[in-house]
Amino acid sequence: MLTIGKIVEEELKKYPFLEEALAEELVNLSAFARKLKPVVEKKLNRPVNEGAIIMAVKRMPLPLHLPVNHTLRKFLSNMGEMTVRSDITDFTFGNSVSLTSCQVKLLEIISEHKDAVFSFSKGVNETTVIISSKMDINVEEVFAKEKLISKQTNLSTITLKLHMQNTRVIGLYYHIFKQLAWEGINIVEVISTTNEFTIVVAEAFIDKAFSILKRLKAPG
């Protein structure tokens, strides 16, 4: 049976962060009820009192991620060092039978540049190469015959060293992405290994992104 509570719950799933904001009393319930009232009435095909919608919100169980916030804060406060690297370029090429040999050639060149940043990420249809901008000319030469899908310059990376238990912490990446999204930080790429997590952002956002992640590490 369709109820006000079920409709409210389904509507909340359409708006990232809103469920948590409501649980933390950051949203005016009356205003939220007025906005939701036409939707609820249409689905129930009858008039609905705003007070009923407010009560439905108040009766909803806490979002699953809220009880683990304390665990997340404790985990984040124990994160290892953060490393910032600037002058990064992001190349994306279409996959081909010759692409792997190009990667091998590039790795041979990179082996002579110990301080260079580089990462390969292969998808179903394309492969991304993230590399220090000083190596751009090498990438362009080695991959000259490959299909270039995109090239983004003036990027930076922030690498977070995570505790070995990070894969068992629920909501870790959600918590990090949420904070960055709330502050208007656009993430260009994400690079992840078992115990390291790297985000790639535009140079213009690097200081702000670093401050946000540093704040997450502060004991809370």
C-alpha atoms as a PDB file:
ATOM      1  CA  MET A   1       0.000   0.000   0.000  1.00  0.00           C
ATOM      2  CA  LEU A   2       1.328   3.411  -0.976  1.00  0.00           C
ATOM      3  CA  THR A   3       1.695   5.721   2.032  1.00  0.00           C
ATOM      4  CA  ILE A   4       2.948   9.239   2.682  1.00  0.00           C
ATOM      5  CA  GLY A   5       5.980   7.793   4.438  1.00  0.00           C
ATOM      6  CA  LYS A   6       6.930   5.601   1.473  1.00  0.00           C
ATOM      7  CA  ILE A   7       6.516   8.463  -0.974  1.00  0.00           C
ATOM      8  CA  VAL A   8       8.678  10.776   1.150  1.00  0.00           C
ATOM      9  CA  GLU A   9      11.348   8.095   1.425  1.00  0.00           C
ATOM     10  CA  GLU A  10      11.412   7.537  -2.334  1.00  0.00           C
ATOM     11  CA  GLU A  11      11.570  11.267  -3.057  1.00  0.00           C
ATOM     12  CA  LEU A  12      14.484  11.754  -0.676  1.00  0.00           C
ATOM     13  CA  LYS A  13      16.506   9.181  -2.605  1.00  0.00           C
ATOM     14  CA  LYS A  14      16.440  11.537  -5.599  1.00  0.00           C
ATOM     15  CA  TYR A  15      18.341  14.287  -3.754  1.00  0.00           C
ATOM     16  CA  PRO A  16      21.904  13.559  -2.672  1.00  0.00           C
ATOM     17  CA  PHE A  17      22.767  14.890   0.812  1.00  0.00           C
ATOM     18  CA  LEU A  18      19.187  15.985   1.591  1.00  0.00           C
ATOM     19  CA  GLU A  19      18.408  12.960   3.751  1.00  0.00           C
ATOM     20  CA  GLU A  20      21.423  13.649   5.929  1.00  0.00           C
ATOM     21  CA  ALA A  21      20.688  17.376   6.067  1.00  0.00           C
ATOM     22  CA  LEU A  22      17.159  16.621   7.297  1.00  0.00           C
ATOM     23  CA  ALA A  23      18.470  14.217   9.926  1.00  0.00           C
ATOM     24  CA  GLU A  24      20.871  16.891  11.182  1.00  0.00           C
ATOM     25  CA  GLU A  25      18.054  19.476  11.227  1.00  0.00           C
ATOM     26  CA  LEU A  26      19.690  21.695   8.631  1.00  0.00           C
ATOM     27  CA  VAL A  27      16.515  21.918   6.527  1.00  0.00           C
ATOM     28  CA  ASN A  28      13.275  23.744   7.326  1.00  0.00           C
ATOM     29  CA  LEU A  29      10.688  20.939   7.555  1.00  0.00           C
ATOM     30  CA  SER A  30       7.719  23.184   6.804  1.00  0.00           C
ATOM     31  CA  ALA A  31       9.318  24.486   3.615  1.00  0.00           C
ATOM     32  CA  PHE A  32      10.309  20.957   2.627  1.00  0.00           C
ATOM     33  CA  ALA A  33       6.742  19.716   3.231  1.00  0.00           C
ATOM     34  CA  ARG A  34       5.285  22.509   1.069  1.00  0.00           C
ATOM     35  CA  LYS A  35       7.640  21.604  -1.761  1.00  0.00           C
ATOM     36  CA  LEU A  36       6.806  17.917  -1.513  1.00  0.00           C
ATOM     37  CA  LYS A  37       3.039  18.328  -1.036  1.00  0.00           C
ATOM     38  CA  PRO A  38       2.061  18.417  -4.772  1.00  0.00           C
ATOM     39  CA  VAL A  39       4.101  15.277  -5.456  1.00  0.00           C
ATOM     40  CA  VAL A  40       2.560  13.367  -2.563  1.00  0.00           C
ATOM     41  CA  GLU A  41      -0.987  14.468  -3.484  1.00  0.00           C
ATOM     42  CA  LYS A  42      -0.499  13.449  -7.102  1.00  0.00           C
ATOM     43  CA  LYS A  43       0.741   9.976  -6.177  1.00  0.00           C
ATOM     44  CA  LEU A  44      -2.008   9.409  -3.588  1.00  0.00           C
ATOM     45  CA  ASN A  45      -4.644  11.131  -5.748  1.00  0.00           C
ATOM     46  CA  ARG A  46      -6.065  12.994  -2.759  1.00  0.00           C
ATOM     47  CA  PRO A  47      -5.387  16.133  -0.682  1.00  0.00           C
ATOM     48  CA  VAL A  48      -2.633  15.818   1.932  1.00  0.00           C
ATOM     49  CA  ASN A  49      -1.951  18.000   4.961  1.00  0.00           C
ATOM     50  CA  GLU A  50       1.560  19.453   5.240  1.00  0.00           C
ATOM     51  CA  GLY A  51       1.643  18.351   8.858  1.00  0.00           C
ATOM     52  CA  ALA A  52       1.261  14.731   7.767  1.00  0.00           C
ATOM     53  CA  ILE A  53       4.304  15.056   5.536  1.00  0.00           C
ATOM     54  CA  ILE A  54       6.327  16.610   8.366  1.00  0.00           C
ATOM     55  CA  MET A  55       5.360  13.740  10.679  1.00  0.00           C
ATOM     56  CA  ALA A  56       6.354  11.226   8.012  1.00  0.00           C
ATOM     57  CA  VAL A  57       9.799  12.831   7.800  1.00  0.00           C
ATOM     58  CA  LYS A  58      10.223  12.822  11.585  1.00  0.00           C
ATOM     59  CA  ARG A  59       9.252   9.147  11.796  1.00  0.00           C
ATOM     60  CA  MET A  60      11.764   8.059   9.187  1.00  0.00           C
ATOM     61  CA  PRO A  61      14.711   6.029  10.531  1.00  0.00           C
ATOM     62  CA  LEU A  62      18.119   7.697  10.495  1.00  0.00           C
ATOM     63  CA  PRO A  63      20.072   7.232   7.269  1.00  0.00           C
ATOM     64  CA  LEU A  64      22.337   4.211   7.461  1.00  0.00           C
ATOM     65  CA  HIS A  65      25.466   6.319   7.087  1.00  0.00           C
ATOM     66  CA  LEU A  66      24.828   8.501  10.151  1.00  0.00           C
ATOM     67  CA  PRO A  67      25.590   5.905  12.854  1.00  0.00           C
ATOM     68  CA  VAL A  68      29.050   5.350  11.365  1.00  0.00           C
ATOM     69  CA  ASN A  69      30.017   9.021  11.341  1.00  0.00           C
ATOM     70  CA  HIS A  70      31.904   8.630  14.630  1.00  0.00           C
ATOM     71  CA  THR A  71      33.839   5.681  13.200  1.00  0.00           C
ATOM     72  CA  LEU A  72      34.599   7.681  10.053  1.00  0.00           C
ATOM     73  CA  ARG A  73      35.850  10.674  12.014  1.00  0.00           C
ATOM     74  CA  LYS A  74      38.112   8.458  14.089  1.00  0.00           C
ATOM     75  CA  PHE A  75      39.423   6.706  10.988  1.00  0.00           C
ATOM     76  CA  LEU A  76      39.980   9.936   9.059  1.00  0.00           C
ATOM     77  CA  SER A  77      41.789  11.535  11.989  1.00  0.00           C
ATOM     78  CA  ASN A  78      44.261   8.638  11.843  1.00  0.00           C
ATOM     79  CA  MET A  79      44.938   8.948   8.117  1.00  0.00           C
ATOM     80  CA  GLY A  80      48.543   9.133   7.044  1.00  0.00           C
ATOM     81  CA  GLU A  81      50.250  11.943   5.168  1.00  0.00           C
ATOM     82  CA  MET A  82      48.753  13.799   2.226  1.00  0.00           C
ATOM     83  CA  THR A  83      50.920  14.420  -0.810  1.00  0.00           C
ATOM     84  CA  VAL A  84      50.233  17.169  -3.340  1.00  0.00           C
ATOM     85  CA  ARG A  85      51.651  17.080  -6.852  1.00  0.00           C
ATOM     86  CA  SER A  86      51.173  19.830  -9.417  1.00  0.00           C
ATOM     87  CA  ASP A  87      51.642  20.175 -13.188  1.00  0.00           C
ATOM     88  CA  ILE A  88      49.674  17.063 -14.107  1.00  0.00           C
ATOM     89  CA  THR A  89      48.122  16.186 -17.484  1.00  0.00           C
ATOM     90  CA  ASP A  90      45.280  13.772 -18.141  1.00  0.00           C
ATOM     91  CA  PHE A  91      45.246  11.960 -21.522  1.00  0.00           C
ATOM     92  CA  THR A  92      42.471   9.599 -22.598  1.00  0.00           C
ATOM     93  CA  PHE A  93      42.906   7.317 -25.626  1.00  0.00           C
ATOM     94  CA  GLY A  94      40.550   4.903 -27.310  1.00  0.00           C
ATOM     95  CA  ASN A  95      41.490   1.267 -26.665  1.00  0.00           C
ATOM     96  CA  SER A  96      43.247  -0.537 -29.515  1.00  0.00           C
ATOM     97  CA  VAL A  97      45.390  -3.621 -30.118  1.00  0.00           C
ATOM     98  CA  SER A  98      48.517  -1.440 -30.190  1.00  0.00           C
ATOM     99  CA  LEU A  99      47.782   0.549 -27.042  1.00  0.00           C
ATOM    100  CA  THR A 100      49.498  -1.887 -24.674  1.00  0.00           C
ATOM    101  CA  SER A 101      52.776  -1.702 -26.586  1.00  0.00           C
ATOM    102  CA  CYS A 102      52.569   2.097 -26.347  1.00  0.00           C
ATOM    103  CA  GLN A 103      52.192   1.809 -22.587  1.00  0.00           C
ATOM    104  CA  VAL A 104      55.281  -0.410 -22.416  1.00  0.00           C
ATOM    105  CA  LYS A 105      57.312   2.141 -24.388  1.00  0.00           C
ATOM    106  CA  LEU A 106      56.154   4.959 -22.147  1.00  0.00           C
ATOM    107  CA  LEU A 107      57.032   2.982 -19.007  1.00  0.00           C
ATOM    108  CA  GLU A 108      60.560   2.518 -20.345  1.00  0.00           C
ATOM    109  CA  ILE A 109      60.885   6.289 -20.750  1.00  0.00           C
ATOM    110  CA  ILE A 110      59.334   7.028 -17.361  1.00  0.00           C
ATOM    111  CA  SER A 111      61.765   4.637 -15.647  1.00  0.00           C
ATOM    112  CA  GLU A 112      64.455   7.246 -16.281  1.00  0.00           C
ATOM    113  CA  HIS A 113      62.398   9.946 -14.533  1.00  0.00           C
ATOM    114  CA  LYS A 114      61.994   8.739 -10.949  1.00  0.00           C
ATOM    115  CA  ASP A 115      60.155  11.875  -9.817  1.00  0.00           C
ATOM    116  CA  ALA A 116      57.504  11.716 -12.553  1.00  0.00           C
ATOM    117  CA  VAL A 117      53.862  11.106 -11.645  1.00  0.00           C
ATOM    118  CA  PHE A 118      52.099   8.548 -13.808  1.00  0.00           C
ATOM    119  CA  SER A 119      49.104   6.252 -13.728  1.00  0.00           C
ATOM    120  CA  PHE A 120      47.342   4.056 -16.281  1.00  0.00           C
ATOM    121  CA  SER A 121      43.670   3.210 -16.015  1.00  0.00           C
ATOM    122  CA  LYS A 122      42.068   0.944 -18.606  1.00  0.00           C
ATOM    123  CA  GLY A 123      38.313   0.871 -19.121  1.00  0.00           C
ATOM    124  CA  VAL A 124      36.143  -1.081 -21.522  1.00  0.00           C
ATOM    125  CA  ASN A 125      36.515   1.390 -24.397  1.00  0.00           C
ATOM    126  CA  GLU A 126      39.243   3.795 -23.349  1.00  0.00           C
ATOM    127  CA  THR A 127      42.440   4.161 -21.345  1.00  0.00           C
ATOM    128  CA  THR A 128      43.513   7.164 -19.310  1.00  0.00           C
ATOM    129  CA  VAL A 129      47.104   8.205 -18.740  1.00  0.00           C
ATOM    130  CA  ILE A 130      47.735  10.614 -15.880  1.00  0.00           C
ATOM    131  CA  ILE A 131      51.260  11.947 -15.978  1.00  0.00           C
ATOM    132  CA  SER A 132      53.554  14.832 -15.069  1.00  0.00           C
ATOM    133  CA  SER A 133      53.164  17.616 -17.618  1.00  0.00           C
ATOM    134  CA  LYS A 134      56.885  17.602 -18.364  1.00  0.00           C
ATOM    135  CA  MET A 135      56.291  14.193 -19.983  1.00  0.00           C
ATOM    136  CA  ASP A 136      53.524  15.432 -22.303  1.00  0.00           C
ATOM    137  CA  ILE A 137      55.740  15.432 -25.364  1.00  0.00           C
ATOM    138  CA  ASN A 138      56.768  11.825 -24.664  1.00  0.00           C
ATOM    139  CA  VAL A 139      53.145  10.723 -24.405  1.00  0.00           C
ATOM    140  CA  GLU A 140      52.227  12.529 -27.610  1.00  0.00           C
ATOM    141  CA  GLU A 141      55.115  10.924 -29.481  1.00  0.00           C
ATOM    142  CA  VAL A 142      54.573   7.383 -28.172  1.00  0.00           C
ATOM    143  CA  PHE A 143      50.783   7.499 -28.646  1.00  0.00           C
ATOM    144  CA  ALA A 144      50.903   9.490 -31.900  1.00  0.00           C
ATOM    145  CA  LYS A 145      48.993   6.843 -33.870  1.00  0.00           C
ATOM    146  CA  GLU A 146      46.373   6.254 -31.169  1.00  0.00           C
ATOM    147  CA  LYS A 147      42.979   7.943 -31.037  1.00  0.00           C
ATOM    148  CA  LEU A 148      43.133  10.823 -28.556  1.00  0.00           C
ATOM    149  CA  ILE A 149      39.742  11.287 -26.911  1.00  0.00           C
ATOM    150  CA  SER A 150      40.661  14.076 -24.518  1.00  0.00           C
ATOM    151  CA  LYS A 151      43.553  15.944 -22.981  1.00  0.00           C
ATOM    152  CA  GLN A 152      43.241  18.010 -19.809  1.00  0.00           C
ATOM    153  CA  THR A 153      46.076  20.153 -18.514  1.00  0.00           C
ATOM    154  CA  ASN A 154      46.739  22.363 -15.480  1.00  0.00           C
ATOM    155  CA  LEU A 155      45.778  19.638 -13.030  1.00  0.00           C
ATOM    156  CA  SER A 156      47.007  18.652  -9.568  1.00  0.00           C
ATOM    157  CA  THR A 157      46.736  15.541  -7.429  1.00  0.00           C
ATOM    158  CA  ILE A 158      46.251  14.950  -3.723  1.00  0.00           C
ATOM    159  CA  THR A 159      47.163  11.498  -2.450  1.00  0.00           C
ATOM    160  CA  LEU A 160      45.840  10.294   0.900  1.00  0.00           C
ATOM    161  CA  LYS A 161      47.577   7.440   2.647  1.00  0.00           C
ATOM    162  CA  LEU A 162      44.879   5.282   4.228  1.00  0.00           C
ATOM    163  CA  HIS A 163      44.966   2.862   7.127  1.00  0.00           C
ATOM    164  CA  MET A 164      45.107  -0.803   6.105  1.00  0.00           C
ATOM    165  CA  GLN A 165      41.574  -1.287   7.467  1.00  0.00           C
ATOM    166  CA  ASN A 166      40.075   1.259   5.047  1.00  0.00           C
ATOM    167  CA  THR A 167      38.285  -1.361   2.938  1.00  0.00           C
ATOM    168  CA  ARG A 168      36.203  -2.291   5.991  1.00  0.00           C
ATOM    169  CA  VAL A 169      35.048   1.239   6.797  1.00  0.00           C
ATOM    170  CA  ILE A 170      31.530   1.892   5.509  1.00  0.00           C
ATOM    171  CA  GLY A 171      30.991   5.242   3.795  1.00  0.00           C
ATOM    172  CA  LEU A 172      34.644   6.312   3.646  1.00  0.00           C
ATOM    173  CA  TYR A 173      34.651   7.479   0.037  1.00  0.00           C
ATOM    174  CA  TYR A 174      31.130   8.855   0.312  1.00  0.00           C
ATOM    175  CA  HIS A 175      32.223  11.026   3.232  1.00  0.00           C
ATOM    176  CA  ILE A 176      35.243  12.391   1.333  1.00  0.00           C
ATOM    177  CA  PHE A 177      33.338  13.011  -1.909  1.00  0.00           C
ATOM    178  CA  LYS A 178      30.463  14.634  -0.013  1.00  0.00           C
ATOM    179  CA  GLN A 179      32.708  17.214   1.619  1.00  0.00           C
ATOM    180  CA  LEU A 180      34.365  18.092  -1.691  1.00  0.00           C
ATOM    181  CA  ALA A 181      31.018  18.304  -3.513  1.00  0.00           C
ATOM    182  CA  TRP A 182      29.494  20.571  -0.858  1.00  0.00           C
ATOM    183  CA  GLU A 183      32.398  22.976  -1.373  1.00  0.00           C
ATOM    184  CA  GLY A 184      32.019  22.960  -5.160  1.00  0.00           C
ATOM    185  CA  ILE A 185      35.184  20.980  -5.908  1.00  0.00           C
ATOM    186  CA  ASN A 186      34.994  19.113  -9.215  1.00  0.00           C
ATOM    187  CA  ILE A 187      36.961  15.857  -9.285  1.00  0.00           C
ATOM    188  CA  VAL A 188      38.520  15.191 -12.677  1.00  0.00           C
ATOM    189  CA  GLU A 189      39.790  11.677 -11.942  1.00  0.00           C
ATOM    190  CA  VAL A 190      40.160   9.242  -9.059  1.00  0.00           C
ATOM    191  CA  ILE A 191      43.104   6.860  -8.679  1.00  0.00           C
ATOM    192  CA  SER A 192      42.903   4.186  -6.035  1.00  0.00           C
ATOM    193  CA  THR A 193      45.127   1.406  -4.713  1.00  0.00           C
ATOM    194  CA  THR A 194      44.442  -0.702  -1.634  1.00  0.00           C
ATOM    195  CA  ASN A 195      45.877   1.766   0.858  1.00  0.00           C
ATOM    196  CA  GLU A 196      46.169   4.985  -1.149  1.00  0.00           C
ATOM    197  CA  PHE A 197      43.526   7.236  -2.610  1.00  0.00           C
ATOM    198  CA  THR A 198      44.316   9.995  -5.106  1.00  0.00           C
ATOM    199  CA  ILE A 199      42.027  12.677  -6.489  1.00  0.00           C
ATOM    200  CA  VAL A 200      42.838  14.757  -9.543  1.00  0.00           C
ATOM    201  CA  VAL A 201      41.489  18.311  -9.584  1.00  0.00           C
ATOM    202  CA  ALA A 202      42.064  21.511 -11.527  1.00  0.00           C
ATOM    203  CA  GLU A 203      45.011  23.591 -10.314  1.00  0.00           C
ATOM    204  CA  ALA A 204      42.570  26.340  -9.346  1.00  0.00           C
ATOM    205  CA  PHE A 205      40.920  24.067  -6.758  1.00  0.00           C
ATOM    206  CA  ILE A 206      43.994  22.438  -5.232  1.00  0.00           C
ATOM    207  CA  ASP A 207      44.398  24.756  -2.226  1.00  0.00           C
ATOM    208  CA  LYS A 208      40.711  24.558  -1.335  1.00  0.00           C
ATOM    209  CA  ALA A 209      40.603  20.783  -1.796  1.00  0.00           C
ATOM    210  CA  PHE A 210      43.685  20.331   0.371  1.00  0.00           C
ATOM    211  CA  SER A 211      42.172  22.469   3.130  1.00  0.00           C
ATOM    212  CA  ILE A 212      38.971  20.411   3.069  1.00  0.00           C
ATOM    213  CA  LEU A 213      40.813  17.102   3.302  1.00  0.00           C
ATOM    214  CA  LYS A 214      43.070  18.444   6.028  1.00  0.00           C
ATOM    215  CA  ARG A 215      39.984  19.495   7.960  1.00  0.00           C
ATOM    216  CA  LEU A 216      38.638  15.957   7.661  1.00  0.00           C
ATOM    217  CA  LYS A 217      41.788  14.716   9.385  1.00  0.00           C
ATOM    218  CA  ALA A 218      41.274  17.037  12.335  1.00  0.00           C
ATOM    219  CA  PRO A 219      40.024  15.111  15.390  1.00  0.00           C
ATOM    220  CA  GLY A 220      36.305  15.632  15.831  1.00  0.00           C
END
